[in-house]
N, C-alpha and C. Protein backbone atom coordinates (compact mmCIF):
# COMPACT_ATOMS: atom_id res chain seq x y z
N UNK A 1 249.71 11.43 177.99
CA UNK A 1 250.87 10.73 177.20
C UNK A 1 252.31 11.39 177.54
N UNK A 2 253.35 10.89 178.03
CA UNK A 2 254.46 11.43 178.16
C UNK A 2 255.06 11.98 177.07
N UNK A 3 255.77 13.06 177.01
CA UNK A 3 256.63 13.56 175.98
C UNK A 3 257.95 12.97 175.81
N UNK A 4 258.47 12.29 176.84
CA UNK A 4 259.75 11.53 176.65
C UNK A 4 259.34 10.43 175.61
N UNK A 5 260.48 10.14 174.75
CA UNK A 5 260.58 9.26 173.70
C UNK A 5 260.54 7.76 174.09
N UNK A 6 260.11 6.96 172.91
CA UNK A 6 260.32 5.73 173.34
C UNK A 6 261.70 5.29 172.71
N UNK A 7 262.64 4.69 173.21
CA UNK A 7 263.87 4.33 172.71
C UNK A 7 263.80 3.05 172.10
N UNK A 8 263.91 2.93 170.71
CA UNK A 8 263.91 1.73 169.97
C UNK A 8 265.55 1.23 169.69
N UNK A 9 265.84 0.13 170.27
CA UNK A 9 267.32 -0.30 170.16
C UNK A 9 267.33 -1.75 169.55
N UNK A 10 267.70 -1.44 168.30
CA UNK A 10 267.95 -2.62 167.23
C UNK A 10 269.15 -2.28 166.37
N UNK A 11 269.92 -3.39 165.89
CA UNK A 11 271.01 -3.42 165.06
C UNK A 11 270.37 -3.28 163.56
N UNK A 12 269.35 -3.97 163.29
CA UNK A 12 268.72 -4.07 162.00
C UNK A 12 267.97 -2.74 161.68
N UNK A 13 268.51 -1.87 160.76
CA UNK A 13 267.99 -0.80 160.30
C UNK A 13 266.58 -0.82 159.85
N UNK A 14 266.50 -1.69 159.01
CA UNK A 14 265.15 -1.89 158.50
C UNK A 14 264.06 -2.00 159.77
N UNK A 15 264.33 -2.83 160.62
CA UNK A 15 263.30 -2.96 161.89
C UNK A 15 263.32 -1.60 162.72
N UNK A 16 264.61 -1.14 162.81
CA UNK A 16 264.58 -0.01 163.69
C UNK A 16 263.98 1.22 163.00
N UNK A 17 264.03 1.50 161.74
CA UNK A 17 263.20 2.40 160.99
C UNK A 17 261.74 2.03 160.83
N UNK A 18 261.30 0.87 160.60
CA UNK A 18 259.88 0.63 160.43
C UNK A 18 259.17 0.90 161.88
N UNK A 19 259.74 0.46 162.92
CA UNK A 19 259.19 0.78 164.28
C UNK A 19 259.03 2.12 164.44
N UNK A 20 260.18 2.94 164.42
CA UNK A 20 260.05 4.36 164.48
C UNK A 20 259.12 5.18 163.56
N UNK A 21 259.08 4.90 162.35
CA UNK A 21 257.85 5.32 161.56
C UNK A 21 256.64 5.14 161.83
N UNK A 22 256.20 3.84 162.41
CA UNK A 22 255.07 3.57 162.92
C UNK A 22 254.60 4.20 164.13
N UNK A 23 255.54 4.16 165.20
CA UNK A 23 255.25 4.88 166.52
C UNK A 23 254.84 6.34 166.11
N UNK A 24 256.09 6.99 165.31
CA UNK A 24 255.61 8.42 164.98
C UNK A 24 254.43 8.64 164.20
N UNK A 25 253.95 7.60 163.54
CA UNK A 25 252.68 7.89 162.73
C UNK A 25 251.62 7.90 163.83
N UNK A 26 251.65 7.30 165.05
CA UNK A 26 250.71 7.46 166.07
C UNK A 26 251.03 8.55 166.99
N UNK A 27 251.85 9.50 166.55
CA UNK A 27 252.15 10.64 167.46
C UNK A 27 252.98 10.47 168.66
N UNK A 28 253.88 9.24 168.59
CA UNK A 28 254.81 8.92 169.78
C UNK A 28 256.09 9.17 169.39
N UNK A 29 256.82 10.05 170.24
CA UNK A 29 258.22 10.58 169.97
C UNK A 29 258.97 9.24 170.14
N UNK A 30 259.99 9.28 169.26
CA UNK A 30 261.01 8.00 169.14
C UNK A 30 262.38 8.54 168.98
N UNK A 31 263.21 7.84 169.77
CA UNK A 31 264.64 7.91 169.61
C UNK A 31 265.20 6.52 169.19
N UNK A 32 266.10 6.52 168.35
CA UNK A 32 266.70 5.21 168.00
C UNK A 32 268.26 4.99 168.43
N UNK A 33 268.60 3.58 168.68
CA UNK A 33 269.90 3.45 168.83
C UNK A 33 270.20 1.94 168.11
N UNK A 34 271.39 2.14 167.77
CA UNK A 34 271.85 0.86 166.83
C UNK A 34 272.38 -0.37 167.66
N UNK A 35 272.72 -0.15 168.95
CA UNK A 35 273.36 -0.99 169.77
C UNK A 35 273.15 -0.68 171.23
N UNK A 36 273.57 -1.41 172.22
CA UNK A 36 273.43 -1.08 173.74
C UNK A 36 274.24 -0.07 174.13
N UNK A 37 275.30 0.19 173.65
CA UNK A 37 276.30 1.23 173.94
C UNK A 37 275.90 2.59 173.42
N UNK A 38 275.16 2.66 172.39
CA UNK A 38 274.48 3.86 171.70
C UNK A 38 273.27 4.18 172.26
N UNK A 39 272.54 3.16 173.02
CA UNK A 39 271.21 3.15 173.67
C UNK A 39 271.54 3.85 175.13
N UNK A 40 272.75 3.36 175.65
CA UNK A 40 273.17 4.15 177.01
C UNK A 40 273.41 5.58 176.82
N UNK A 41 273.98 5.90 175.72
CA UNK A 41 274.47 7.31 175.45
C UNK A 41 273.07 8.13 175.32
N UNK A 42 272.08 7.50 174.68
CA UNK A 42 270.67 8.27 174.50
C UNK A 42 270.02 8.30 175.88
N UNK A 43 270.10 7.32 176.64
CA UNK A 43 269.59 7.35 177.97
C UNK A 43 270.14 8.51 178.89
N UNK A 44 271.41 8.56 178.58
CA UNK A 44 272.09 9.76 179.55
C UNK A 44 271.83 11.07 179.05
N UNK A 45 271.23 11.23 177.75
CA UNK A 45 271.01 12.51 177.49
C UNK A 45 269.56 12.75 177.71
N UNK A 46 268.58 11.75 177.72
CA UNK A 46 267.20 11.93 177.92
C UNK A 46 266.61 10.72 178.30
N UNK A 47 265.99 10.31 179.51
CA UNK A 47 265.30 9.10 179.99
C UNK A 47 264.19 8.84 179.08
N UNK A 48 264.25 7.64 178.36
CA UNK A 48 262.97 7.36 177.67
C UNK A 48 261.87 7.00 178.68
N UNK A 49 260.55 6.97 178.19
CA UNK A 49 259.50 6.55 178.71
C UNK A 49 259.48 5.00 178.72
N UNK A 50 260.00 4.37 177.61
CA UNK A 50 260.02 2.97 177.51
C UNK A 50 261.16 2.67 176.42
N UNK A 51 261.66 1.40 176.69
CA UNK A 51 262.90 1.05 175.76
C UNK A 51 262.26 -0.26 175.07
N UNK A 52 262.39 -0.18 173.81
CA UNK A 52 262.06 -1.57 173.05
C UNK A 52 263.40 -2.01 172.66
N UNK A 53 263.71 -3.20 173.02
CA UNK A 53 265.10 -3.66 172.97
C UNK A 53 265.46 -4.89 172.37
N UNK A 54 266.06 -4.91 171.22
CA UNK A 54 266.40 -6.29 170.73
C UNK A 54 267.67 -6.73 171.52
N UNK A 55 267.86 -8.09 171.56
CA UNK A 55 268.61 -8.77 172.59
C UNK A 55 270.13 -8.92 171.83
N UNK A 56 269.86 -9.52 170.70
CA UNK A 56 271.15 -9.96 170.01
C UNK A 56 271.64 -8.94 169.10
N UNK A 57 272.76 -8.04 169.48
CA UNK A 57 273.25 -7.00 168.70
C UNK A 57 274.97 -6.96 168.82
N UNK A 58 275.61 -6.51 167.97
CA UNK A 58 277.07 -6.09 168.07
C UNK A 58 277.14 -4.94 169.12
N UNK A 59 278.54 -5.06 169.48
CA UNK A 59 279.06 -3.73 170.52
C UNK A 59 278.59 -4.28 171.81
N UNK A 60 277.28 -4.00 172.29
CA UNK A 60 276.60 -4.22 173.56
C UNK A 60 275.33 -4.91 173.32
N UNK A 61 275.12 -6.15 173.67
CA UNK A 61 273.95 -6.77 173.45
C UNK A 61 272.94 -6.48 174.60
N UNK A 62 271.72 -6.99 174.58
CA UNK A 62 270.53 -6.45 175.28
C UNK A 62 270.68 -6.99 176.70
N UNK A 63 271.57 -7.99 177.17
CA UNK A 63 271.98 -8.38 178.22
C UNK A 63 272.93 -7.31 178.98
N UNK A 64 273.79 -6.90 178.24
CA UNK A 64 274.82 -5.99 178.53
C UNK A 64 274.42 -4.60 178.85
N UNK A 65 273.39 -4.20 177.94
CA UNK A 65 272.66 -3.03 178.11
C UNK A 65 271.90 -2.89 179.29
N UNK A 66 271.19 -3.98 179.67
CA UNK A 66 270.44 -3.93 180.76
C UNK A 66 270.96 -3.83 182.08
N UNK A 67 272.26 -4.51 182.05
CA UNK A 67 273.10 -4.58 183.35
C UNK A 67 273.59 -3.04 183.65
N UNK A 68 274.13 -2.50 182.44
CA UNK A 68 274.73 -1.16 182.50
C UNK A 68 273.66 -0.37 182.79
N UNK A 69 272.47 -0.34 182.30
CA UNK A 69 271.29 0.58 182.67
C UNK A 69 271.19 0.44 184.25
N UNK A 70 270.87 -0.71 184.68
CA UNK A 70 270.69 -0.81 186.16
C UNK A 70 271.60 -0.34 186.92
N UNK A 71 272.96 -0.22 186.63
CA UNK A 71 274.05 0.39 187.26
C UNK A 71 274.08 1.79 187.27
N UNK A 72 273.45 2.46 186.30
CA UNK A 72 273.19 3.89 186.20
C UNK A 72 271.97 4.39 187.18
N UNK A 73 271.15 3.53 187.92
CA UNK A 73 270.15 3.83 188.68
C UNK A 73 269.05 4.45 188.00
N UNK A 74 269.15 4.58 186.67
CA UNK A 74 267.86 4.83 185.82
C UNK A 74 267.20 3.73 185.53
N UNK A 75 265.76 3.71 185.57
CA UNK A 75 265.11 2.50 185.32
C UNK A 75 263.86 2.74 184.48
N UNK A 76 263.82 3.10 183.24
CA UNK A 76 262.64 3.12 182.37
C UNK A 76 262.28 1.52 182.08
N UNK A 77 261.06 1.37 181.86
CA UNK A 77 260.72 0.09 181.52
C UNK A 77 261.23 -0.49 180.11
N UNK A 78 261.49 -1.76 180.20
CA UNK A 78 262.07 -2.17 179.04
C UNK A 78 261.21 -3.59 178.52
N UNK A 79 261.09 -3.47 177.21
CA UNK A 79 260.31 -4.49 176.38
C UNK A 79 261.15 -5.04 175.40
N UNK A 80 261.23 -6.38 175.74
CA UNK A 80 262.32 -7.22 174.70
C UNK A 80 261.47 -7.40 173.37
N UNK A 81 262.12 -7.10 172.27
CA UNK A 81 261.65 -7.46 170.79
C UNK A 81 262.81 -8.29 170.23
N UNK A 82 262.14 -9.55 169.85
CA UNK A 82 262.90 -10.53 169.36
C UNK A 82 262.06 -11.63 168.76
N UNK A 83 262.82 -12.38 167.95
CA UNK A 83 262.07 -13.51 167.20
C UNK A 83 262.49 -14.80 167.95
N UNK A 84 263.31 -14.71 168.84
CA UNK A 84 263.76 -16.00 169.61
C UNK A 84 262.74 -16.62 170.24
N UNK A 85 262.78 -17.97 170.20
CA UNK A 85 261.74 -18.95 171.08
C UNK A 85 262.04 -18.50 172.42
N UNK A 86 263.21 -18.28 172.78
CA UNK A 86 263.52 -18.00 174.42
C UNK A 86 263.15 -16.46 174.84
N UNK A 87 262.41 -15.74 174.19
CA UNK A 87 262.18 -14.27 174.30
C UNK A 87 261.59 -14.20 175.80
N UNK A 88 260.65 -14.84 176.20
CA UNK A 88 260.23 -14.76 177.45
C UNK A 88 261.24 -14.80 178.69
N UNK A 89 262.18 -15.98 178.45
CA UNK A 89 262.98 -16.28 179.35
C UNK A 89 264.20 -15.23 179.52
N UNK A 90 264.49 -14.62 178.39
CA UNK A 90 265.41 -13.55 178.08
C UNK A 90 264.99 -12.32 178.80
N UNK A 91 263.53 -11.98 178.65
CA UNK A 91 263.07 -10.97 179.16
C UNK A 91 263.15 -10.92 180.71
N UNK A 92 262.83 -12.28 181.04
CA UNK A 92 262.81 -12.16 182.78
C UNK A 92 264.25 -12.04 183.17
N UNK A 93 265.15 -12.80 182.38
CA UNK A 93 266.75 -12.58 182.83
C UNK A 93 267.20 -11.23 183.20
N UNK A 94 266.70 -10.16 182.26
CA UNK A 94 267.21 -8.76 182.28
C UNK A 94 266.07 -7.82 183.15
N UNK A 95 264.96 -8.44 183.74
CA UNK A 95 263.95 -7.74 184.11
C UNK A 95 263.14 -6.92 183.35
N UNK A 96 262.95 -7.34 182.11
CA UNK A 96 261.98 -6.52 181.23
C UNK A 96 260.64 -6.88 181.75
N UNK A 97 259.73 -5.93 181.33
CA UNK A 97 258.31 -6.10 181.84
C UNK A 97 257.33 -6.64 180.57
N UNK A 98 257.93 -6.89 179.44
CA UNK A 98 257.22 -7.35 178.21
C UNK A 98 258.04 -7.94 177.36
N UNK A 99 257.29 -8.49 176.36
CA UNK A 99 257.88 -8.99 175.03
C UNK A 99 257.06 -8.88 173.91
N UNK A 100 257.48 -8.20 172.93
CA UNK A 100 256.98 -8.08 171.65
C UNK A 100 257.63 -9.05 170.63
N UNK A 101 257.08 -10.30 170.28
CA UNK A 101 257.58 -10.98 169.32
C UNK A 101 257.70 -10.54 167.89
N UNK A 102 259.05 -10.84 167.24
CA UNK A 102 259.12 -10.44 166.01
C UNK A 102 258.62 -11.66 165.15
N UNK A 103 258.04 -11.40 163.99
CA UNK A 103 257.58 -10.20 163.47
C UNK A 103 256.24 -9.86 164.44
N UNK A 104 255.99 -8.84 164.42
CA UNK A 104 254.92 -8.11 165.13
C UNK A 104 253.94 -7.33 164.34
N UNK A 105 252.71 -7.28 164.81
CA UNK A 105 251.56 -6.37 164.23
C UNK A 105 251.73 -5.17 164.63
N UNK A 106 250.93 -4.31 163.86
CA UNK A 106 250.83 -2.92 164.28
C UNK A 106 250.34 -2.70 165.58
N UNK A 107 249.03 -3.49 165.80
CA UNK A 107 248.28 -3.39 167.12
C UNK A 107 249.10 -4.05 168.15
N UNK A 108 249.87 -5.00 168.04
CA UNK A 108 250.64 -5.64 168.99
C UNK A 108 251.72 -4.53 169.42
N UNK A 109 252.19 -4.01 168.63
CA UNK A 109 253.28 -3.03 168.86
C UNK A 109 252.90 -1.66 169.68
N UNK A 110 251.77 -0.98 169.13
CA UNK A 110 251.40 0.12 169.87
C UNK A 110 250.58 -0.31 170.96
N UNK A 111 250.00 -1.55 171.00
CA UNK A 111 249.49 -2.08 172.36
C UNK A 111 250.67 -2.01 173.58
N UNK A 112 251.58 -2.66 173.16
CA UNK A 112 252.64 -2.93 174.31
C UNK A 112 253.23 -1.41 174.48
N UNK A 113 253.28 -0.47 173.52
CA UNK A 113 254.02 0.85 174.15
C UNK A 113 252.89 1.44 174.82
N UNK A 114 251.62 1.37 174.54
CA UNK A 114 250.72 1.90 175.56
C UNK A 114 250.53 1.39 176.83
N UNK A 115 250.67 0.17 176.78
CA UNK A 115 250.48 -0.63 178.12
C UNK A 115 251.78 -0.31 179.06
N UNK A 116 253.06 -0.32 178.45
CA UNK A 116 253.97 -0.45 179.28
C UNK A 116 254.72 1.11 179.33
N UNK A 117 254.23 1.99 178.86
CA UNK A 117 254.99 3.32 178.82
C UNK A 117 254.66 3.90 180.17
N UNK A 118 255.67 4.70 180.78
CA UNK A 118 255.54 5.34 181.99
C UNK A 118 255.09 6.85 181.64
């Protein structure tokens, strides 16, 4: 398993912290970001093995983050985390490799991280 962290990007502190705590309970290192701009700064410091990305956020949303990430030439896999009915379409729009619908279960989240991590 990679020592690089999973980057959890969500403007909702309760979701961000719950995902972080859950993944860390399973021994998975985690970094968090409150929006796409914050996430880009974290990626510049250390490329994550996976990005769990909310789409609707202030400052820089998921679409803007994905575009800016592509422009850096860094390509960690991205999984969209959203409650939106359009989740699959949104994931396709940004080139994400998967979707974890909110609300999600523990097995669903850990399964996605294990399946999609590099």
